Amino acid sequence: KLIERLQACPEFATCSDEILAKASSLETHQ
């Protein structure tokens, strides 16, 4: 449901867990 809400955003993208870790400020992203 959250993914569906976000898909309508102006800039929506998918990536691997490893790539999101490079953009995240968390030790373990969610």
PDB file of all heavy atoms in Angstrom:
ATOM      1  N   LYS A   1       0.830  -1.208   0.000  1.00  0.00           N
ATOM      2  CA  LYS A   1       0.000   0.000   0.000  1.00  0.00           C
ATOM      3  C   LYS A   1       0.864   1.257   0.000  1.00  0.00           C
ATOM      4  O   LYS A   1       0.551   2.239  -0.686  1.00  0.00           O
ATOM      5  CB  LYS A   1      -0.938  -0.004   1.209  1.00  0.00           C
ATOM      6  CG  LYS A   1      -2.044  -1.045   1.116  1.00  0.00           C
ATOM      7  CD  LYS A   1      -3.002  -0.925   2.298  1.00  0.00           C
ATOM      8  CE  LYS A   1      -4.142  -1.937   2.170  1.00  0.00           C
ATOM      9  NZ  LYS A   1      -5.086  -1.849   3.330  1.00  0.00           N
ATOM     10  N   LEU A   2       1.946   1.241   0.755  1.00  0.00           N
ATOM     11  CA  LEU A   2       2.838   2.388   0.783  1.00  0.00           C
ATOM     12  C   LEU A   2       3.530   2.562  -0.562  1.00  0.00           C
ATOM     13  O   LEU A   2       3.660   3.689  -1.069  1.00  0.00           O
ATOM     14  CB  LEU A   2       3.876   2.223   1.899  1.00  0.00           C
ATOM     15  CG  LEU A   2       4.869   3.379   2.062  1.00  0.00           C
ATOM     16  CD1 LEU A   2       4.142   4.690   2.322  1.00  0.00           C
ATOM     17  CD2 LEU A   2       5.861   3.075   3.177  1.00  0.00           C
ATOM     18  N   ILE A   3       3.956   1.461  -1.150  1.00  0.00           N
ATOM     19  CA  ILE A   3       4.588   1.536  -2.469  1.00  0.00           C
ATOM     20  C   ILE A   3       3.630   2.145  -3.477  1.00  0.00           C
ATOM     21  O   ILE A   3       4.011   3.002  -4.293  1.00  0.00           O
ATOM     22  CB  ILE A   3       5.042   0.135  -2.933  1.00  0.00           C
ATOM     23  CG1 ILE A   3       6.178  -0.375  -2.032  1.00  0.00           C
ATOM     24  CG2 ILE A   3       5.493   0.166  -4.389  1.00  0.00           C
ATOM     25  CD1 ILE A   3       6.586  -1.803  -2.311  1.00  0.00           C
ATOM     26  N   GLU A   4       2.365   1.749  -3.426  1.00  0.00           N
ATOM     27  CA  GLU A   4       1.369   2.290  -4.347  1.00  0.00           C
ATOM     28  C   GLU A   4       1.197   3.798  -4.156  1.00  0.00           C
ATOM     29  O   GLU A   4       1.068   4.546  -5.130  1.00  0.00           O
ATOM     30  CB  GLU A   4       0.035   1.577  -4.134  1.00  0.00           C
ATOM     31  CG  GLU A   4      -1.049   1.995  -5.132  1.00  0.00           C
ATOM     32  CD  GLU A   4      -2.324   1.214  -4.939  1.00  0.00           C
ATOM     33  OE1 GLU A   4      -2.329   0.230  -4.176  1.00  0.00           O
ATOM     34  OE2 GLU A   4      -3.338   1.599  -5.557  1.00  0.00           O
ATOM     35  N   ARG A   5       1.222   4.250  -2.902  1.00  0.00           N
ATOM     36  CA  ARG A   5       1.092   5.685  -2.639  1.00  0.00           C
ATOM     37  C   ARG A   5       2.298   6.453  -3.195  1.00  0.00           C
ATOM     38  O   ARG A   5       2.156   7.569  -3.701  1.00  0.00           O
ATOM     39  CB  ARG A   5       0.973   5.954  -1.139  1.00  0.00           C
ATOM     40  CG  ARG A   5      -0.278   5.398  -0.502  1.00  0.00           C
ATOM     41  CD  ARG A   5      -0.287   5.643   1.005  1.00  0.00           C
ATOM     42  NE  ARG A   5      -0.550   7.051   1.331  1.00  0.00           N
ATOM     43  CZ  ARG A   5      -0.574   7.518   2.566  1.00  0.00           C
ATOM     44  NH1 ARG A   5      -0.325   6.707   3.594  1.00  0.00           N
ATOM     45  NH2 ARG A   5      -0.821   8.799   2.783  1.00  0.00           N
ATOM     46  N   LEU A   6       3.458   5.844  -3.112  1.00  0.00           N
ATOM     47  CA  LEU A   6       4.680   6.527  -3.539  1.00  0.00           C
ATOM     48  C   LEU A   6       4.886   6.511  -5.042  1.00  0.00           C
ATOM     49  O   LEU A   6       5.579   7.378  -5.584  1.00  0.00           O
ATOM     50  CB  LEU A   6       5.896   5.894  -2.846  1.00  0.00           C
ATOM     51  CG  LEU A   6       5.978   6.080  -1.330  1.00  0.00           C
ATOM     52  CD1 LEU A   6       7.135   5.265  -0.767  1.00  0.00           C
ATOM     53  CD2 LEU A   6       6.141   7.553  -0.980  1.00  0.00           C
ATOM     54  N   GLN A   7       4.286   5.554  -5.736  1.00  0.00           N
ATOM     55  CA  GLN A   7       4.499   5.421  -7.170  1.00  0.00           C
ATOM     56  C   GLN A   7       4.020   6.632  -7.961  1.00  0.00           C
ATOM     57  O   GLN A   7       4.462   6.849  -9.086  1.00  0.00           O
ATOM     58  CB  GLN A   7       3.807   4.151  -7.694  1.00  0.00           C
ATOM     59  CG  GLN A   7       4.595   2.886  -7.413  1.00  0.00           C
ATOM     60  CD  GLN A   7       3.876   1.655  -7.933  1.00  0.00           C
ATOM     61  OE1 GLN A   7       2.651   1.595  -7.941  1.00  0.00           O
ATOM     62  NE2 GLN A   7       4.636   0.651  -8.343  1.00  0.00           N
ATOM     63  N   ALA A   8       3.117   7.403  -7.382  1.00  0.00           N
ATOM     64  CA  ALA A   8       2.608   8.580  -8.086  1.00  0.00           C
ATOM     65  C   ALA A   8       3.460   9.829  -7.859  1.00  0.00           C
ATOM     66  O   ALA A   8       3.110  10.905  -8.316  1.00  0.00           O
ATOM     67  CB  ALA A   8       1.165   8.861  -7.653  1.00  0.00           C
ATOM     68  N   CYS A   9       4.570   9.675  -7.144  1.00  0.00           N
ATOM     69  CA  CYS A   9       5.414  10.836  -6.848  1.00  0.00           C
ATOM     70  C   CYS A   9       6.149  11.313  -8.099  1.00  0.00           C
ATOM     71  O   CYS A   9       6.380  10.536  -9.026  1.00  0.00           O
ATOM     72  CB  CYS A   9       6.426  10.475  -5.764  1.00  0.00           C
ATOM     73  SG  CYS A   9       5.667  10.189  -4.157  1.00  0.00           S
ATOM     74  N   PRO A  10       6.526  12.572  -8.152  1.00  0.00           N
ATOM     75  CA  PRO A  10       7.207  13.118  -9.331  1.00  0.00           C
ATOM     76  C   PRO A  10       8.454  12.348  -9.730  1.00  0.00           C
ATOM     77  O   PRO A  10       8.760  12.198 -10.902  1.00  0.00           O
ATOM     78  CB  PRO A  10       7.557  14.548  -8.894  1.00  0.00           C
ATOM     79  CG  PRO A  10       6.556  14.880  -7.840  1.00  0.00           C
ATOM     80  CD  PRO A  10       6.296  13.595  -7.118  1.00  0.00           C
ATOM     81  N   GLU A  11       9.213  11.880  -8.738  1.00  0.00           N
ATOM     82  CA  GLU A  11      10.431  11.133  -9.039  1.00  0.00           C
ATOM     83  C   GLU A  11      10.455   9.875  -8.176  1.00  0.00           C
ATOM     84  O   GLU A  11      10.840   9.907  -7.012  1.00  0.00           O
ATOM     85  CB  GLU A  11      11.668  12.000  -8.769  1.00  0.00           C
ATOM     86  CG  GLU A  11      12.918  11.460  -9.409  1.00  0.00           C
ATOM     87  CD  GLU A  11      14.011  12.508  -9.500  1.00  0.00           C
ATOM     88  OE1 GLU A  11      13.937  13.514  -8.784  1.00  0.00           O
ATOM     89  OE2 GLU A  11      14.958  12.300 -10.295  1.00  0.00           O
ATOM     90  N   PHE A  12       9.993   8.768  -8.750  1.00  0.00           N
ATOM     91  CA  PHE A  12       9.919   7.499  -8.044  1.00  0.00           C
ATOM     92  C   PHE A  12      10.876   6.521  -8.710  1.00  0.00           C
ATOM     93  O   PHE A  12      10.890   6.393  -9.944  1.00  0.00           O
ATOM     94  CB  PHE A  12       8.495   6.945  -8.078  1.00  0.00           C
ATOM     95  CG  PHE A  12       8.380   5.559  -7.485  1.00  0.00           C
ATOM     96  CD1 PHE A  12       8.297   5.388  -6.116  1.00  0.00           C
ATOM     97  CD2 PHE A  12       8.351   4.435  -8.308  1.00  0.00           C
ATOM     98  CE1 PHE A  12       8.191   4.115  -5.556  1.00  0.00           C
ATOM     99  CE2 PHE A  12       8.242   3.160  -7.760  1.00  0.00           C
ATOM    100  CZ  PHE A  12       8.165   3.001  -6.381  1.00  0.00           C
ATOM    101  N   ALA A  13      11.696   5.848  -7.910  1.00  0.00           N
ATOM    102  CA  ALA A  13      12.671   4.911  -8.474  1.00  0.00           C
ATOM    103  C   ALA A  13      12.822   3.699  -7.576  1.00  0.00           C
ATOM    104  O   ALA A  13      12.603   3.764  -6.360  1.00  0.00           O
ATOM    105  CB  ALA A  13      14.022   5.603  -8.664  1.00  0.00           C
ATOM    106  N   THR A  14      13.202   2.593  -8.177  1.00  0.00           N
ATOM    107  CA  THR A  14      13.506   1.373  -7.436  1.00  0.00           C
ATOM    108  C   THR A  14      15.010   1.114  -7.528  1.00  0.00           C
ATOM    109  O   THR A  14      15.694   1.613  -8.422  1.00  0.00           O
ATOM    110  CB  THR A  14      12.746   0.172  -8.008  1.00  0.00           C
ATOM    111  OG1 THR A  14      13.156  -0.030  -9.380  1.00  0.00           O
ATOM    112  CG2 THR A  14      11.244   0.409  -7.967  1.00  0.00           C
ATOM    113  N   CYS A  15      15.501   0.335  -6.588  1.00  0.00           N
ATOM    114  CA  CYS A  15      16.920  -0.008  -6.597  1.00  0.00           C
ATOM    115  C   CYS A  15      17.125  -1.239  -5.733  1.00  0.00           C
ATOM    116  O   CYS A  15      16.205  -1.712  -5.066  1.00  0.00           O
ATOM    117  CB  CYS A  15      17.765   1.166  -6.090  1.00  0.00           C
ATOM    118  SG  CYS A  15      17.481   1.537  -4.349  1.00  0.00           S
ATOM    119  N   SER A  16      18.330  -1.749  -5.714  1.00  0.00           N
ATOM    120  CA  SER A  16      18.647  -2.892  -4.858  1.00  0.00           C
ATOM    121  C   SER A  16      18.829  -2.412  -3.420  1.00  0.00           C
ATOM    122  O   SER A  16      19.006  -1.216  -3.155  1.00  0.00           O
ATOM    123  CB  SER A  16      19.940  -3.565  -5.342  1.00  0.00           C
ATOM    124  OG  SER A  16      21.042  -2.691  -5.136  1.00  0.00           O
ATOM    125  N   ASP A  17      18.793  -3.349  -2.488  1.00  0.00           N
ATOM    126  CA  ASP A  17      19.043  -3.014  -1.089  1.00  0.00           C
ATOM    127  C   ASP A  17      20.433  -2.403  -0.921  1.00  0.00           C
ATOM    128  O   ASP A  17      20.635  -1.485  -0.111  1.00  0.00           O
ATOM    129  CB  ASP A  17      18.927  -4.259  -0.213  1.00  0.00           C
ATOM    130  CG  ASP A  17      17.495  -4.760  -0.083  1.00  0.00           C
ATOM    131  OD1 ASP A  17      16.571  -3.928  -0.139  1.00  0.00           O
ATOM    132  OD2 ASP A  17      17.311  -5.988   0.072  1.00  0.00           O
ATOM    133  N   GLU A  18      21.399  -2.903  -1.690  1.00  0.00           N
ATOM    134  CA  GLU A  18      22.773  -2.419  -1.584  1.00  0.00           C
ATOM    135  C   GLU A  18      22.900  -0.974  -2.040  1.00  0.00           C
ATOM    136  O   GLU A  18      23.609  -0.168  -1.428  1.00  0.00           O
ATOM    137  CB  GLU A  18      23.708  -3.321  -2.408  1.00  0.00           C
ATOM    138  CG  GLU A  18      23.873  -4.730  -1.877  1.00  0.00           C
ATOM    139  CD  GLU A  18      22.645  -5.619  -2.112  1.00  0.00           C
ATOM    140  OE1 GLU A  18      21.831  -5.291  -3.012  1.00  0.00           O
ATOM    141  OE2 GLU A  18      22.506  -6.632  -1.399  1.00  0.00           O
ATOM    142  N   ILE A  19      22.205  -0.623  -3.098  1.00  0.00           N
ATOM    143  CA  ILE A  19      22.278   0.753  -3.587  1.00  0.00           C
ATOM    144  C   ILE A  19      21.561   1.708  -2.646  1.00  0.00           C
ATOM    145  O   ILE A  19      22.042   2.816  -2.373  1.00  0.00           O
ATOM    146  CB  ILE A  19      21.711   0.849  -5.020  1.00  0.00           C
ATOM    147  CG1 ILE A  19      22.714   0.221  -5.999  1.00  0.00           C
ATOM    148  CG2 ILE A  19      21.419   2.300  -5.406  1.00  0.00           C
ATOM    149  CD1 ILE A  19      22.281   0.260  -7.439  1.00  0.00           C
ATOM    150  N   LEU A  20      20.422   1.304  -2.112  1.00  0.00           N
ATOM    151  CA  LEU A  20      19.720   2.179  -1.170  1.00  0.00           C
ATOM    152  C   LEU A  20      20.587   2.433   0.064  1.00  0.00           C
ATOM    153  O   LEU A  20      20.538   3.524   0.653  1.00  0.00           O
ATOM    154  CB  LEU A  20      18.380   1.572  -0.769  1.00  0.00           C
ATOM    155  CG  LEU A  20      17.512   2.428   0.165  1.00  0.00           C
ATOM    156  CD1 LEU A  20      17.308   3.837  -0.385  1.00  0.00           C
ATOM    157  CD2 LEU A  20      16.161   1.765   0.411  1.00  0.00           C
ATOM    158  N   ALA A  21      21.385   1.456   0.446  1.00  0.00           N
ATOM    159  CA  ALA A  21      22.276   1.633   1.598  1.00  0.00           C
ATOM    160  C   ALA A  21      23.249   2.778   1.370  1.00  0.00           C
ATOM    161  O   ALA A  21      23.669   3.449   2.324  1.00  0.00           O
ATOM    162  CB  ALA A  21      23.030   0.341   1.882  1.00  0.00           C
ATOM    163  N   LYS A  22      23.599   3.050   0.115  1.00  0.00           N
ATOM    164  CA  LYS A  22      24.527   4.139  -0.201  1.00  0.00           C
ATOM    165  C   LYS A  22      23.871   5.511  -0.034  1.00  0.00           C
ATOM    166  O   LYS A  22      24.559   6.507   0.206  1.00  0.00           O
ATOM    167  CB  LYS A  22      25.028   3.990  -1.642  1.00  0.00           C
ATOM    168  CG  LYS A  22      25.808   2.719  -1.911  1.00  0.00           C
ATOM    169  CD  LYS A  22      27.100   2.656  -1.108  1.00  0.00           C
ATOM    170  CE  LYS A  22      27.905   1.421  -1.440  1.00  0.00           C
ATOM    171  NZ  LYS A  22      29.174   1.364  -0.653  1.00  0.00           N
ATOM    172  N   ALA A  23      22.556   5.553  -0.150  1.00  0.00           N
ATOM    173  CA  ALA A  23      21.835   6.824  -0.003  1.00  0.00           C
ATOM    174  C   ALA A  23      21.293   7.012   1.401  1.00  0.00           C
ATOM    175  O   ALA A  23      20.923   8.124   1.781  1.00  0.00           O
ATOM    176  CB  ALA A  23      20.684   6.887  -1.011  1.00  0.00           C
ATOM    177  N   SER A  24      21.244   5.930   2.167  1.00  0.00           N
ATOM    178  CA  SER A  24      20.630   5.974   3.495  1.00  0.00           C
ATOM    179  C   SER A  24      21.614   6.478   4.548  1.00  0.00           C
ATOM    180  O   SER A  24      22.820   6.260   4.463  1.00  0.00           O
ATOM    181  CB  SER A  24      20.133   4.577   3.882  1.00  0.00           C
ATOM    182  OG  SER A  24      19.644   4.563   5.207  1.00  0.00           O
ATOM    183  N   SER A  25      21.074   7.146   5.557  1.00  0.00           N
ATOM    184  CA  SER A  25      21.886   7.582   6.690  1.00  0.00           C
ATOM    185  C   SER A  25      21.792   6.589   7.842  1.00  0.00           C
ATOM    186  O   SER A  25      22.416   6.785   8.890  1.00  0.00           O
ATOM    187  CB  SER A  25      21.430   8.964   7.165  1.00  0.00           C
ATOM    188  OG  SER A  25      20.080   8.915   7.575  1.00  0.00           O
ATOM    189  N   LEU A  26      21.017   5.516   7.660  1.00  0.00           N
ATOM    190  CA  LEU A  26      20.831   4.507   8.689  1.00  0.00           C
ATOM    191  C   LEU A  26      21.850   3.385   8.532  1.00  0.00           C
ATOM    192  O   LEU A  26      22.278   3.074   7.418  1.00  0.00           O
ATOM    193  CB  LEU A  26      19.418   3.920   8.616  1.00  0.00           C
ATOM    194  CG  LEU A  26      18.244   4.896   8.723  1.00  0.00           C
ATOM    195  CD1 LEU A  26      16.933   4.153   8.532  1.00  0.00           C
ATOM    196  CD2 LEU A  26      18.273   5.604  10.064  1.00  0.00           C
ATOM    197  N   GLU A  27      22.227   2.769   9.639  1.00  0.00           N
ATOM    198  CA  GLU A  27      23.128   1.621   9.565  1.00  0.00           C
ATOM    199  C   GLU A  27      22.461   0.468   8.827  1.00  0.00           C
ATOM    200  O   GLU A  27      23.098  -0.248   8.050  1.00  0.00           O
ATOM    201  CB  GLU A  27      23.545   1.179  10.976  1.00  0.00           C
ATOM    202  CG  GLU A  27      24.473   2.153  11.675  1.00  0.00           C
ATOM    203  CD  GLU A  27      24.989   1.604  12.984  1.00  0.00           C
ATOM    204  OE1 GLU A  27      24.808   0.392  13.253  1.00  0.00           O
ATOM    205  OE2 GLU A  27      25.586   2.382  13.742  1.00  0.00           O
ATOM    206  N   THR A  28      21.166   0.282   9.096  1.00  0.00           N
ATOM    207  CA  THR A  28      20.385  -0.733   8.390  1.00  0.00           C
ATOM    208  C   THR A  28      19.109  -0.072   7.898  1.00  0.00           C
ATOM    209  O   THR A  28      18.222   0.226   8.696  1.00  0.00           O
ATOM    210  CB  THR A  28      20.038  -1.921   9.316  1.00  0.00           C
ATOM    211  OG1 THR A  28      21.244  -2.477   9.856  1.00  0.00           O
ATOM    212  CG2 THR A  28      19.291  -2.996   8.542  1.00  0.00           C
ATOM    213  N   HIS A  29      19.021   0.180   6.607  1.00  0.00           N
ATOM    214  CA  HIS A  29      17.842   0.863   6.068  1.00  0.00           C
ATOM    215  C   HIS A  29      16.631  -0.062   6.042  1.00  0.00           C
ATOM    216  O   HIS A  29      16.757  -1.288   6.185  1.00  0.00           O
ATOM    217  CB  HIS A  29      18.127   1.423   4.672  1.00  0.00           C
ATOM    218  CG  HIS A  29      18.292   0.376   3.610  1.00  0.00           C
ATOM    219  ND1 HIS A  29      17.215  -0.262   3.027  1.00  0.00           N
ATOM    220  CD2 HIS A  29      19.403  -0.141   3.011  1.00  0.00           C
ATOM    221  CE1 HIS A  29      17.649  -1.122   2.123  1.00  0.00           C
ATOM    222  NE2 HIS A  29      18.975  -1.075   2.092  1.00  0.00           N
ATOM    223  N   GLN A  30      15.459   0.531   5.873  1.00  0.00           N
ATOM    224  CA  GLN A  30      14.211  -0.230   5.914  1.00  0.00           C
ATOM    225  C   GLN A  30      13.538  -0.355   4.551  1.00  0.00           C
ATOM    226  O   GLN A  30      12.365  -0.689   4.467  1.00  0.00           O
ATOM    227  CB  GLN A  30      13.264   0.418   6.920  1.00  0.00           C
ATOM    228  CG  GLN A  30      13.819   0.435   8.337  1.00  0.00           C
ATOM    229  CD  GLN A  30      12.910   1.154   9.315  1.00  0.00           C
ATOM    230  OE1 GLN A  30      11.691   1.180   9.150  1.00  0.00           O
ATOM    231  NE2 GLN A  30      13.483   1.753  10.332  1.00  0.00           N
TER     232      GLN A  30
END
